[in-house]
Amino acid sequence: MARPLAVAITGGIGAGKSAALESFARHGGPTVSSGEIVHRLLREDDEVCAGIVERFGDGVLDAAGAIDRAKLGSIVFIDAEGLAWLEALLHPRVAREYGAWRDHLGRGSDPPQVVAIEVPLLYETGGETRFDKVVVITAPPEVRARRARLAADGREQRLLPDAEKVRRADFAYVNDGSLEELDAFVAGVLERLRA
């Protein structure tokens, strides 16, 4: 199996991680978002859903009986213990999912050299050890606030400071310019990784 080089894309809220992931895809790199995996687990994994309802009650369900992410978020982002429990439930499953995805691509007839995975809490969960390279996307606070309409729910305070993420990263980019500039940065990263 020709296991592709795994690149984690991380950064703060509103920095542009998703835009960087889309740029990797535009440049021919297979991509997956850990957020998309979480959303799928909340929709489709019966064990995850049952555990969440057991822990937090029926109040986290929507009218159709599915997990309502907004309701769940309103609980866990003010309950540190509840959030830690939820992350312990989800993070290992997410890691297994993207590991299996990467392995599946590596077993294909034309495996990619590089794959990119968006992982918002990479350093905060110790997840960087599962990746070959890390790309950190940052942006000035006023740009991030405008992009994300940052809520005062404590999420930002749980994250490592950008300076620490940049210090630990293999590649870093201040995403305060145009999409073309971000694309040029990503193209340069991919060129180096594929060399």
N, C-alpha and C. Protein backbone atom coordinates (compact mmCIF):
# COMPACT_ATOMS: atom_id res chain seq x y z
N MET A 1 0.85 -1.19 0.00
CA MET A 1 0.00 0.00 0.00
C MET A 1 0.89 1.24 0.00
N ALA A 2 0.60 2.18 -0.89
CA ALA A 2 1.32 3.46 -0.96
C ALA A 2 0.55 4.49 -0.14
N ARG A 3 0.83 4.51 1.15
CA ARG A 3 0.06 5.38 2.05
C ARG A 3 0.37 6.84 1.73
N PRO A 4 -0.66 7.65 1.42
CA PRO A 4 -0.41 9.05 1.11
C PRO A 4 0.14 9.82 2.31
N LEU A 5 0.89 10.86 2.03
CA LEU A 5 1.34 11.79 3.06
C LEU A 5 0.12 12.50 3.61
N ALA A 6 -0.06 12.49 4.92
CA ALA A 6 -1.24 13.10 5.53
C ALA A 6 -0.90 14.49 6.08
N VAL A 7 -1.63 15.49 5.61
CA VAL A 7 -1.43 16.87 6.04
C VAL A 7 -2.65 17.30 6.85
N ALA A 8 -2.42 17.76 8.07
CA ALA A 8 -3.49 18.31 8.88
C ALA A 8 -3.54 19.82 8.67
N ILE A 9 -4.74 20.33 8.48
CA ILE A 9 -4.95 21.78 8.38
C ILE A 9 -5.68 22.20 9.65
N THR A 10 -5.09 23.14 10.37
CA THR A 10 -5.70 23.59 11.61
C THR A 10 -5.56 25.10 11.73
N GLY A 11 -6.20 25.65 12.74
CA GLY A 11 -6.16 27.09 12.98
C GLY A 11 -7.37 27.49 13.80
N GLY A 12 -7.41 28.76 14.16
CA GLY A 12 -8.49 29.27 14.99
C GLY A 12 -9.80 29.44 14.24
N ILE A 13 -10.82 29.76 14.99
CA ILE A 13 -12.15 29.98 14.44
C ILE A 13 -12.11 31.20 13.51
N GLY A 14 -12.59 31.02 12.28
CA GLY A 14 -12.64 32.11 11.32
C GLY A 14 -11.33 32.40 10.61
N ALA A 15 -10.31 31.57 10.84
CA ALA A 15 -9.01 31.81 10.21
C ALA A 15 -9.01 31.45 8.73
N GLY A 16 -9.85 30.49 8.34
CA GLY A 16 -9.90 30.09 6.94
C GLY A 16 -9.45 28.66 6.70
N LYS A 17 -9.60 27.80 7.70
CA LYS A 17 -9.22 26.38 7.53
C LYS A 17 -10.00 25.73 6.40
N SER A 18 -11.30 25.99 6.35
CA SER A 18 -12.13 25.38 5.30
C SER A 18 -11.74 25.89 3.93
N ALA A 19 -11.43 27.18 3.83
CA ALA A 19 -10.99 27.73 2.55
C ALA A 19 -9.67 27.09 2.12
N ALA A 20 -8.77 26.85 3.07
CA ALA A 20 -7.50 26.18 2.75
C ALA A 20 -7.76 24.74 2.31
N LEU A 21 -8.68 24.05 2.97
CA LEU A 21 -9.02 22.68 2.57
C LEU A 21 -9.57 22.66 1.15
N GLU A 22 -10.45 23.61 0.83
CA GLU A 22 -11.00 23.70 -0.53
C GLU A 22 -9.88 23.98 -1.54
N SER A 23 -8.90 24.77 -1.13
CA SER A 23 -7.77 25.06 -2.02
C SER A 23 -6.95 23.80 -2.28
N PHE A 24 -6.73 22.99 -1.25
CA PHE A 24 -6.03 21.72 -1.46
C PHE A 24 -6.78 20.87 -2.47
N ALA A 25 -8.11 20.84 -2.35
CA ALA A 25 -8.92 20.05 -3.30
C ALA A 25 -8.80 20.61 -4.71
N ARG A 26 -8.80 21.94 -4.85
CA ARG A 26 -8.66 22.54 -6.19
C ARG A 26 -7.33 22.17 -6.83
N HIS A 27 -6.32 21.95 -6.00
CA HIS A 27 -4.99 21.60 -6.51
C HIS A 27 -4.79 20.09 -6.59
N GLY A 28 -5.88 19.34 -6.54
CA GLY A 28 -5.80 17.91 -6.80
C GLY A 28 -5.54 17.02 -5.61
N GLY A 29 -5.58 17.57 -4.41
CA GLY A 29 -5.38 16.75 -3.22
C GLY A 29 -6.70 16.28 -2.65
N PRO A 30 -6.87 14.97 -2.44
CA PRO A 30 -8.09 14.50 -1.77
C PRO A 30 -8.19 15.12 -0.38
N THR A 31 -9.39 15.48 0.03
CA THR A 31 -9.59 16.17 1.30
C THR A 31 -10.77 15.58 2.06
N VAL A 32 -10.73 15.77 3.37
CA VAL A 32 -11.86 15.45 4.23
C VAL A 32 -11.80 16.40 5.43
N SER A 33 -12.96 16.73 5.95
CA SER A 33 -13.06 17.60 7.11
C SER A 33 -13.50 16.79 8.32
N SER A 34 -12.79 16.94 9.43
CA SER A 34 -13.22 16.22 10.63
C SER A 34 -14.59 16.70 11.08
N GLY A 35 -14.92 17.96 10.78
CA GLY A 35 -16.26 18.46 11.10
C GLY A 35 -17.33 17.71 10.33
N GLU A 36 -17.07 17.42 9.06
CA GLU A 36 -18.03 16.64 8.26
C GLU A 36 -18.19 15.23 8.83
N ILE A 37 -17.08 14.65 9.29
CA ILE A 37 -17.15 13.32 9.89
C ILE A 37 -18.00 13.35 11.16
N VAL A 38 -17.79 14.37 11.99
CA VAL A 38 -18.59 14.51 13.21
C VAL A 38 -20.07 14.64 12.87
N HIS A 39 -20.39 15.48 11.89
CA HIS A 39 -21.80 15.66 11.51
C HIS A 39 -22.41 14.34 11.06
N ARG A 40 -21.65 13.55 10.30
CA ARG A 40 -22.15 12.26 9.85
C ARG A 40 -22.34 11.30 11.02
N LEU A 41 -21.39 11.28 11.95
CA LEU A 41 -21.53 10.43 13.12
C LEU A 41 -22.78 10.79 13.92
N LEU A 42 -23.03 12.09 14.07
CA LEU A 42 -24.22 12.53 14.81
C LEU A 42 -25.51 12.16 14.10
N ARG A 43 -25.46 12.03 12.77
CA ARG A 43 -26.64 11.64 11.99
C ARG A 43 -26.82 10.13 11.91
N GLU A 44 -25.70 9.40 11.79
CA GLU A 44 -25.80 8.01 11.36
C GLU A 44 -25.31 6.96 12.34
N ASP A 45 -24.50 7.32 13.32
CA ASP A 45 -23.93 6.32 14.22
C ASP A 45 -24.87 6.12 15.41
N ASP A 46 -25.55 4.99 15.43
CA ASP A 46 -26.54 4.72 16.48
C ASP A 46 -25.93 4.70 17.87
N GLU A 47 -24.72 4.17 17.98
CA GLU A 47 -24.05 4.12 19.28
C GLU A 47 -23.73 5.52 19.79
N VAL A 48 -23.25 6.37 18.90
CA VAL A 48 -22.96 7.76 19.28
C VAL A 48 -24.24 8.46 19.71
N CYS A 49 -25.28 8.34 18.91
CA CYS A 49 -26.55 9.02 19.22
C CYS A 49 -27.14 8.54 20.54
N ALA A 50 -27.13 7.23 20.76
CA ALA A 50 -27.67 6.68 22.00
C ALA A 50 -26.88 7.18 23.21
N GLY A 51 -25.57 7.21 23.08
CA GLY A 51 -24.73 7.69 24.17
C GLY A 51 -25.00 9.15 24.50
N ILE A 52 -25.18 9.96 23.47
CA ILE A 52 -25.45 11.38 23.69
C ILE A 52 -26.79 11.59 24.37
N VAL A 53 -27.80 10.87 23.93
CA VAL A 53 -29.12 11.00 24.56
C VAL A 53 -29.07 10.51 26.01
N GLU A 54 -28.35 9.42 26.24
CA GLU A 54 -28.23 8.91 27.61
C GLU A 54 -27.55 9.94 28.50
N ARG A 55 -26.53 10.59 27.97
CA ARG A 55 -25.76 11.56 28.77
C ARG A 55 -26.51 12.88 28.96
N PHE A 56 -27.12 13.40 27.88
CA PHE A 56 -27.67 14.75 27.93
C PHE A 56 -29.19 14.81 27.91
N GLY A 57 -29.85 13.70 27.67
CA GLY A 57 -31.31 13.67 27.70
C GLY A 57 -31.94 13.94 26.33
N ASP A 58 -33.27 13.76 26.29
CA ASP A 58 -34.03 13.92 25.04
C ASP A 58 -34.05 15.37 24.54
N GLY A 59 -33.65 16.31 25.37
CA GLY A 59 -33.65 17.72 24.96
C GLY A 59 -32.68 18.03 23.84
N VAL A 60 -31.79 17.09 23.51
CA VAL A 60 -30.83 17.32 22.42
C VAL A 60 -31.37 16.82 21.09
N LEU A 61 -32.60 16.29 21.09
CA LEU A 61 -33.18 15.76 19.86
C LEU A 61 -34.06 16.80 19.17
N ASP A 62 -34.11 16.71 17.83
CA ASP A 62 -35.04 17.55 17.07
C ASP A 62 -36.38 16.84 16.95
N ALA A 63 -37.30 17.42 16.23
CA ALA A 63 -38.65 16.87 16.10
C ALA A 63 -38.66 15.49 15.45
N ALA A 64 -37.64 15.21 14.63
CA ALA A 64 -37.56 13.92 13.95
C ALA A 64 -36.84 12.86 14.78
N GLY A 65 -36.36 13.23 15.97
CA GLY A 65 -35.65 12.28 16.82
C GLY A 65 -34.17 12.18 16.55
N ALA A 66 -33.63 13.09 15.76
CA ALA A 66 -32.20 13.11 15.47
C ALA A 66 -31.50 14.11 16.40
N ILE A 67 -30.18 13.95 16.54
CA ILE A 67 -29.41 14.89 17.35
C ILE A 67 -29.47 16.27 16.71
N ASP A 68 -29.87 17.25 17.48
CA ASP A 68 -29.89 18.65 17.05
C ASP A 68 -28.57 19.26 17.49
N ARG A 69 -27.69 19.52 16.52
CA ARG A 69 -26.34 20.01 16.85
C ARG A 69 -26.37 21.34 17.60
N ALA A 70 -27.30 22.21 17.25
CA ALA A 70 -27.38 23.51 17.93
C ALA A 70 -27.77 23.32 19.40
N LYS A 71 -28.73 22.45 19.65
CA LYS A 71 -29.13 22.19 21.04
C LYS A 71 -28.00 21.55 21.83
N LEU A 72 -27.33 20.57 21.20
CA LEU A 72 -26.21 19.92 21.86
C LEU A 72 -25.10 20.93 22.15
N GLY A 73 -24.80 21.77 21.14
CA GLY A 73 -23.76 22.78 21.33
C GLY A 73 -24.08 23.75 22.44
N SER A 74 -25.35 24.15 22.56
CA SER A 74 -25.73 25.11 23.60
C SER A 74 -25.52 24.53 25.00
N ILE A 75 -25.53 23.20 25.09
CA ILE A 75 -25.29 22.55 26.39
C ILE A 75 -23.80 22.41 26.64
N VAL A 76 -23.07 21.80 25.68
CA VAL A 76 -21.69 21.43 25.96
C VAL A 76 -20.73 22.62 25.98
N PHE A 77 -21.05 23.70 25.30
CA PHE A 77 -20.10 24.81 25.31
C PHE A 77 -20.18 25.65 26.57
N ILE A 78 -21.10 25.30 27.48
CA ILE A 78 -21.10 25.94 28.81
C ILE A 78 -20.90 24.90 29.91
N ASP A 79 -20.63 23.66 29.52
CA ASP A 79 -20.44 22.55 30.45
C ASP A 79 -19.14 21.85 30.10
N ALA A 80 -18.05 22.26 30.75
CA ALA A 80 -16.73 21.73 30.41
C ALA A 80 -16.67 20.21 30.56
N GLU A 81 -17.29 19.67 31.59
CA GLU A 81 -17.27 18.23 31.79
C GLU A 81 -18.05 17.51 30.69
N GLY A 82 -19.20 18.08 30.32
CA GLY A 82 -20.00 17.50 29.24
C GLY A 82 -19.27 17.56 27.91
N LEU A 83 -18.58 18.66 27.66
CA LEU A 83 -17.81 18.80 26.42
C LEU A 83 -16.67 17.79 26.38
N ALA A 84 -15.97 17.63 27.50
CA ALA A 84 -14.88 16.66 27.56
C ALA A 84 -15.41 15.25 27.29
N TRP A 85 -16.59 14.92 27.84
CA TRP A 85 -17.20 13.61 27.60
C TRP A 85 -17.51 13.43 26.12
N LEU A 86 -18.12 14.45 25.50
CA LEU A 86 -18.49 14.38 24.09
C LEU A 86 -17.25 14.23 23.21
N GLU A 87 -16.21 14.99 23.50
CA GLU A 87 -14.98 14.89 22.72
C GLU A 87 -14.35 13.51 22.87
N ALA A 88 -14.40 12.94 24.09
CA ALA A 88 -13.85 11.60 24.29
C ALA A 88 -14.64 10.56 23.51
N LEU A 89 -15.92 10.80 23.31
CA LEU A 89 -16.75 9.90 22.52
C LEU A 89 -16.44 10.04 21.03
N LEU A 90 -16.31 11.28 20.55
CA LEU A 90 -16.21 11.53 19.12
C LEU A 90 -14.79 11.46 18.56
N HIS A 91 -13.81 12.02 19.24
CA HIS A 91 -12.48 12.17 18.65
C HIS A 91 -11.84 10.85 18.22
N PRO A 92 -11.91 9.78 19.03
CA PRO A 92 -11.32 8.51 18.54
C PRO A 92 -12.02 7.99 17.29
N ARG A 93 -13.33 8.18 17.19
CA ARG A 93 -14.07 7.72 16.02
C ARG A 93 -13.68 8.54 14.79
N VAL A 94 -13.52 9.83 14.97
CA VAL A 94 -13.11 10.69 13.86
C VAL A 94 -11.73 10.28 13.37
N ALA A 95 -10.81 10.05 14.30
CA ALA A 95 -9.45 9.65 13.93
C ALA A 95 -9.47 8.32 13.16
N ARG A 96 -10.29 7.37 13.61
CA ARG A 96 -10.39 6.09 12.89
C ARG A 96 -10.94 6.30 11.49
N GLU A 97 -11.94 7.17 11.36
CA GLU A 97 -12.57 7.42 10.06
C GLU A 97 -11.56 7.99 9.07
N TYR A 98 -10.81 9.03 9.47
CA TYR A 98 -9.90 9.59 8.48
C TYR A 98 -8.69 8.70 8.27
N GLY A 99 -8.32 7.90 9.25
CA GLY A 99 -7.26 6.92 9.03
C GLY A 99 -7.69 5.87 8.01
N ALA A 100 -8.93 5.39 8.13
CA ALA A 100 -9.45 4.40 7.18
C ALA A 100 -9.58 5.00 5.78
N TRP A 101 -10.00 6.27 5.72
CA TRP A 101 -10.12 6.98 4.43
C TRP A 101 -8.76 7.07 3.75
N ARG A 102 -7.75 7.44 4.52
CA ARG A 102 -6.39 7.55 3.97
C ARG A 102 -5.89 6.20 3.50
N ASP A 103 -6.12 5.16 4.30
CA ASP A 103 -5.67 3.82 3.91
C ASP A 103 -6.40 3.35 2.64
N HIS A 104 -7.69 3.63 2.55
CA HIS A 104 -8.47 3.25 1.37
C HIS A 104 -7.88 3.91 0.11
N LEU A 105 -7.56 5.19 0.21
CA LEU A 105 -6.95 5.88 -0.93
C LEU A 105 -5.59 5.26 -1.28
N GLY A 106 -4.84 4.87 -0.26
CA GLY A 106 -3.53 4.27 -0.49
C GLY A 106 -3.58 2.93 -1.17
N ARG A 107 -4.71 2.22 -1.03
CA ARG A 107 -4.86 0.91 -1.67
C ARG A 107 -5.40 1.01 -3.10
N GLY A 108 -5.76 2.21 -3.52
CA GLY A 108 -6.32 2.39 -4.87
C GLY A 108 -5.28 2.16 -5.95
N SER A 109 -5.75 2.10 -7.20
CA SER A 109 -4.86 1.84 -8.32
C SER A 109 -3.94 3.02 -8.62
N ASP A 110 -4.35 4.22 -8.24
CA ASP A 110 -3.54 5.42 -8.47
C ASP A 110 -3.55 6.28 -7.20
N PRO A 111 -2.85 5.81 -6.16
CA PRO A 111 -2.94 6.52 -4.87
C PRO A 111 -2.36 7.93 -4.94
N PRO A 112 -3.00 8.87 -4.26
CA PRO A 112 -2.47 10.23 -4.25
C PRO A 112 -1.20 10.31 -3.40
N GLN A 113 -0.36 11.28 -3.71
CA GLN A 113 0.84 11.49 -2.91
C GLN A 113 0.50 12.15 -1.58
N VAL A 114 -0.49 13.06 -1.60
CA VAL A 114 -0.81 13.89 -0.44
C VAL A 114 -2.32 13.94 -0.25
N VAL A 115 -2.76 13.82 1.01
CA VAL A 115 -4.16 14.07 1.36
C VAL A 115 -4.19 15.12 2.46
N ALA A 116 -5.28 15.86 2.54
CA ALA A 116 -5.40 16.92 3.54
C ALA A 116 -6.67 16.71 4.37
N ILE A 117 -6.52 16.89 5.67
CA ILE A 117 -7.62 16.72 6.61
C ILE A 117 -7.71 17.97 7.47
N GLU A 118 -8.89 18.57 7.52
CA GLU A 118 -9.12 19.74 8.38
C GLU A 118 -9.40 19.24 9.79
N VAL A 119 -8.58 19.69 10.75
CA VAL A 119 -8.71 19.24 12.15
C VAL A 119 -8.64 20.48 13.05
N PRO A 120 -9.78 21.07 13.40
CA PRO A 120 -9.76 22.30 14.19
C PRO A 120 -9.03 22.18 15.53
N LEU A 121 -9.19 21.08 16.25
CA LEU A 121 -8.59 20.93 17.58
C LEU A 121 -7.36 20.01 17.54
N LEU A 122 -6.56 20.16 16.53
CA LEU A 122 -5.42 19.26 16.33
C LEU A 122 -4.48 19.24 17.53
N TYR A 123 -3.91 20.37 17.87
CA TYR A 123 -2.94 20.43 18.96
C TYR A 123 -3.62 20.26 20.31
N GLU A 124 -4.84 20.75 20.42
CA GLU A 124 -5.55 20.69 21.69
C GLU A 124 -5.87 19.25 22.11
N THR A 125 -5.95 18.34 21.12
CA THR A 125 -6.24 16.94 21.42
C THR A 125 -5.03 16.03 21.28
N GLY A 126 -3.87 16.60 20.98
CA GLY A 126 -2.68 15.78 20.77
C GLY A 126 -2.70 15.01 19.46
N GLY A 127 -3.54 15.44 18.52
CA GLY A 127 -3.73 14.71 17.28
C GLY A 127 -2.63 14.88 16.25
N GLU A 128 -1.70 15.79 16.49
CA GLU A 128 -0.67 16.05 15.48
C GLU A 128 0.22 14.83 15.22
N THR A 129 0.29 13.91 16.15
CA THR A 129 1.14 12.73 15.98
C THR A 129 0.61 11.79 14.89
N ARG A 130 -0.64 11.95 14.49
CA ARG A 130 -1.23 11.09 13.45
C ARG A 130 -0.98 11.63 12.05
N PHE A 131 -0.25 12.74 11.93
CA PHE A 131 -0.06 13.38 10.64
C PHE A 131 1.42 13.53 10.32
N ASP A 132 1.69 13.56 9.01
CA ASP A 132 3.07 13.74 8.56
C ASP A 132 3.48 15.20 8.57
N LYS A 133 2.55 16.09 8.24
CA LYS A 133 2.83 17.53 8.20
C LYS A 133 1.60 18.28 8.73
N VAL A 134 1.86 19.47 9.25
CA VAL A 134 0.78 20.33 9.77
C VAL A 134 0.86 21.69 9.11
N VAL A 135 -0.28 22.16 8.63
CA VAL A 135 -0.43 23.51 8.09
C VAL A 135 -1.33 24.28 9.05
N VAL A 136 -0.84 25.40 9.53
CA VAL A 136 -1.64 26.27 10.40
C VAL A 136 -2.06 27.50 9.60
N ILE A 137 -3.36 27.77 9.64
CA ILE A 137 -3.92 28.96 9.00
C ILE A 137 -4.31 29.93 10.11
N THR A 138 -3.81 31.15 10.02
CA THR A 138 -4.15 32.18 10.99
C THR A 138 -4.73 33.39 10.26
N ALA A 139 -5.23 34.31 11.03
CA ALA A 139 -5.72 35.59 10.50
C ALA A 139 -5.79 36.55 11.67
N PRO A 140 -5.68 37.85 11.40
CA PRO A 140 -5.81 38.82 12.48
C PRO A 140 -7.17 38.70 13.17
N PRO A 141 -7.23 39.01 14.46
CA PRO A 141 -8.48 38.85 15.21
C PRO A 141 -9.68 39.55 14.59
N GLU A 142 -9.47 40.75 14.05
CA GLU A 142 -10.62 41.47 13.47
C GLU A 142 -11.14 40.79 12.22
N VAL A 143 -10.24 40.17 11.44
CA VAL A 143 -10.66 39.43 10.24
C VAL A 143 -11.41 38.18 10.65
N ARG A 144 -10.90 37.46 11.64
CA ARG A 144 -11.56 36.25 12.11
C ARG A 144 -12.93 36.56 12.69
N ALA A 145 -13.02 37.62 13.46
CA ALA A 145 -14.31 37.98 14.07
C ALA A 145 -15.34 38.30 12.99
N ARG A 146 -14.91 38.99 11.95
CA ARG A 146 -15.82 39.34 10.85
C ARG A 146 -16.28 38.09 10.10
N ARG A 147 -15.37 37.17 9.88
CA ARG A 147 -15.71 35.95 9.14
C ARG A 147 -16.62 35.02 9.93
N ALA A 148 -16.33 34.87 11.20
CA ALA A 148 -17.00 33.83 11.98
C ALA A 148 -18.09 34.37 12.90
N ARG A 149 -18.19 35.68 13.03
CA ARG A 149 -19.13 36.24 13.99
C ARG A 149 -18.98 35.47 15.31
N LEU A 150 -17.78 35.57 15.88
CA LEU A 150 -17.41 34.76 17.03
C LEU A 150 -18.40 34.92 18.18
N ALA A 151 -18.85 33.79 18.67
CA ALA A 151 -19.78 33.78 19.80
C ALA A 151 -18.98 33.83 21.10
N ALA A 152 -19.60 34.36 22.12
CA ALA A 152 -18.97 34.43 23.44
C ALA A 152 -19.30 33.16 24.22
N ASP A 153 -19.02 32.01 23.64
CA ASP A 153 -19.38 30.74 24.27
C ASP A 153 -18.16 30.00 24.84
N GLY A 154 -17.00 30.65 24.82
CA GLY A 154 -15.82 30.05 25.41
C GLY A 154 -15.01 29.17 24.49
N ARG A 155 -15.48 28.92 23.27
CA ARG A 155 -14.74 28.02 22.39
C ARG A 155 -13.35 28.56 22.08
N GLU A 156 -13.26 29.84 21.78
CA GLU A 156 -11.98 30.42 21.40
C GLU A 156 -10.96 30.33 22.54
N GLN A 157 -11.42 30.48 23.77
CA GLN A 157 -10.52 30.45 24.91
C GLN A 157 -9.92 29.06 25.13
N ARG A 158 -10.54 28.02 24.60
CA ARG A 158 -10.04 26.66 24.76
C ARG A 158 -8.90 26.35 23.80
N LEU A 159 -8.68 27.20 22.80
CA LEU A 159 -7.70 26.92 21.76
C LEU A 159 -6.31 27.44 22.14
N LEU A 160 -5.30 26.73 21.65
CA LEU A 160 -3.93 27.23 21.81
C LEU A 160 -3.79 28.56 21.09
N PRO A 161 -2.98 29.46 21.57
CA PRO A 161 -2.74 30.71 20.85
C PRO A 161 -2.12 30.44 19.47
N ASP A 162 -2.46 31.30 18.51
CA ASP A 162 -1.93 31.14 17.16
C ASP A 162 -0.41 31.05 17.14
N ALA A 163 0.26 31.87 17.95
CA ALA A 163 1.73 31.88 17.94
C ALA A 163 2.29 30.51 18.29
N GLU A 164 1.65 29.81 19.22
CA GLU A 164 2.11 28.47 19.60
C GLU A 164 1.85 27.47 18.48
N LYS A 165 0.69 27.58 17.83
CA LYS A 165 0.39 26.70 16.71
C LYS A 165 1.40 26.90 15.57
N VAL A 166 1.68 28.15 15.27
CA VAL A 166 2.64 28.46 14.20
C VAL A 166 4.02 27.90 14.54
N ARG A 167 4.42 28.04 15.80
CA ARG A 167 5.73 27.55 16.22
C ARG A 167 5.84 26.04 16.00
N ARG A 168 4.76 25.32 16.20
CA ARG A 168 4.78 23.86 16.11
C ARG A 168 4.50 23.34 14.70
N ALA A 169 4.05 24.19 13.80
CA ALA A 169 3.62 23.76 12.46
C ALA A 169 4.80 23.59 11.50
N ASP A 170 4.55 22.82 10.45
CA ASP A 170 5.51 22.71 9.36
C ASP A 170 5.36 23.85 8.36
N PHE A 171 4.10 24.31 8.19
CA PHE A 171 3.79 25.42 7.29
C PHE A 171 2.76 26.31 8.00
N ALA A 172 2.87 27.62 7.79
CA ALA A 172 1.88 28.54 8.38
C ALA A 172 1.59 29.65 7.38
N TYR A 173 0.35 30.12 7.45
CA TYR A 173 -0.08 31.16 6.51
C TYR A 173 -1.03 32.12 7.21
N VAL A 174 -0.77 33.42 7.05
CA VAL A 174 -1.68 34.45 7.56
C VAL A 174 -2.68 34.74 6.46
N ASN A 175 -3.91 34.32 6.68
CA ASN A 175 -4.95 34.37 5.66
C ASN A 175 -5.76 35.68 5.77
N ASP A 176 -5.13 36.77 5.37
CA ASP A 176 -5.80 38.07 5.42
C ASP A 176 -5.88 38.74 4.05
N GLY A 177 -5.62 37.94 3.01
CA GLY A 177 -5.63 38.48 1.65
C GLY A 177 -6.69 37.83 0.80
N SER A 178 -6.36 37.65 -0.46
CA SER A 178 -7.33 37.13 -1.43
C SER A 178 -7.29 35.60 -1.48
N LEU A 179 -8.32 35.04 -2.08
CA LEU A 179 -8.37 33.60 -2.30
C LEU A 179 -7.23 33.17 -3.21
N GLU A 180 -6.87 34.01 -4.18
CA GLU A 180 -5.76 33.69 -5.08
C GLU A 180 -4.44 33.57 -4.30
N GLU A 181 -4.25 34.42 -3.30
CA GLU A 181 -3.04 34.35 -2.49
C GLU A 181 -3.02 33.07 -1.65
N LEU A 182 -4.17 32.70 -1.10
CA LEU A 182 -4.26 31.44 -0.35
C LEU A 182 -3.97 30.27 -1.28
N ASP A 183 -4.55 30.29 -2.48
CA ASP A 183 -4.29 29.23 -3.46
C ASP A 183 -2.81 29.12 -3.80
N ALA A 184 -2.15 30.24 -3.93
CA ALA A 184 -0.72 30.23 -4.24
C ALA A 184 0.08 29.61 -3.10
N PHE A 185 -0.29 29.93 -1.87
CA PHE A 185 0.37 29.32 -0.71
C PHE A 185 0.18 27.80 -0.73
N VAL A 186 -1.06 27.35 -0.92
CA VAL A 186 -1.36 25.91 -0.92
C VAL A 186 -0.61 25.22 -2.06
N ALA A 187 -0.59 25.84 -3.25
CA ALA A 187 0.14 25.26 -4.37
C ALA A 187 1.62 25.09 -4.03
N GLY A 188 2.18 26.06 -3.33
CA GLY A 188 3.59 25.98 -2.93
C GLY A 188 3.83 24.86 -1.94
N VAL A 189 2.91 24.70 -0.97
CA VAL A 189 3.02 23.60 -0.01
C VAL A 189 2.97 22.26 -0.73
N LEU A 190 2.00 22.11 -1.61
CA LEU A 190 1.86 20.84 -2.33
C LEU A 190 3.07 20.55 -3.22
N GLU A 191 3.60 21.58 -3.83
CA GLU A 191 4.79 21.40 -4.68
C GLU A 191 5.95 20.86 -3.84
N ARG A 192 6.14 21.42 -2.66
CA ARG A 192 7.22 20.95 -1.78
C ARG A 192 6.98 19.53 -1.30
N LEU A 193 5.71 19.21 -0.95
CA LEU A 193 5.41 17.89 -0.43
C LEU A 193 5.46 16.80 -1.50
N ARG A 194 5.18 17.18 -2.72
CA ARG A 194 5.19 16.19 -3.81
C ARG A 194 6.57 16.02 -4.44
N ALA A 195 7.51 16.87 -4.08
CA ALA A 195 8.86 16.83 -4.68
C ALA A 195 9.62 15.57 -4.27
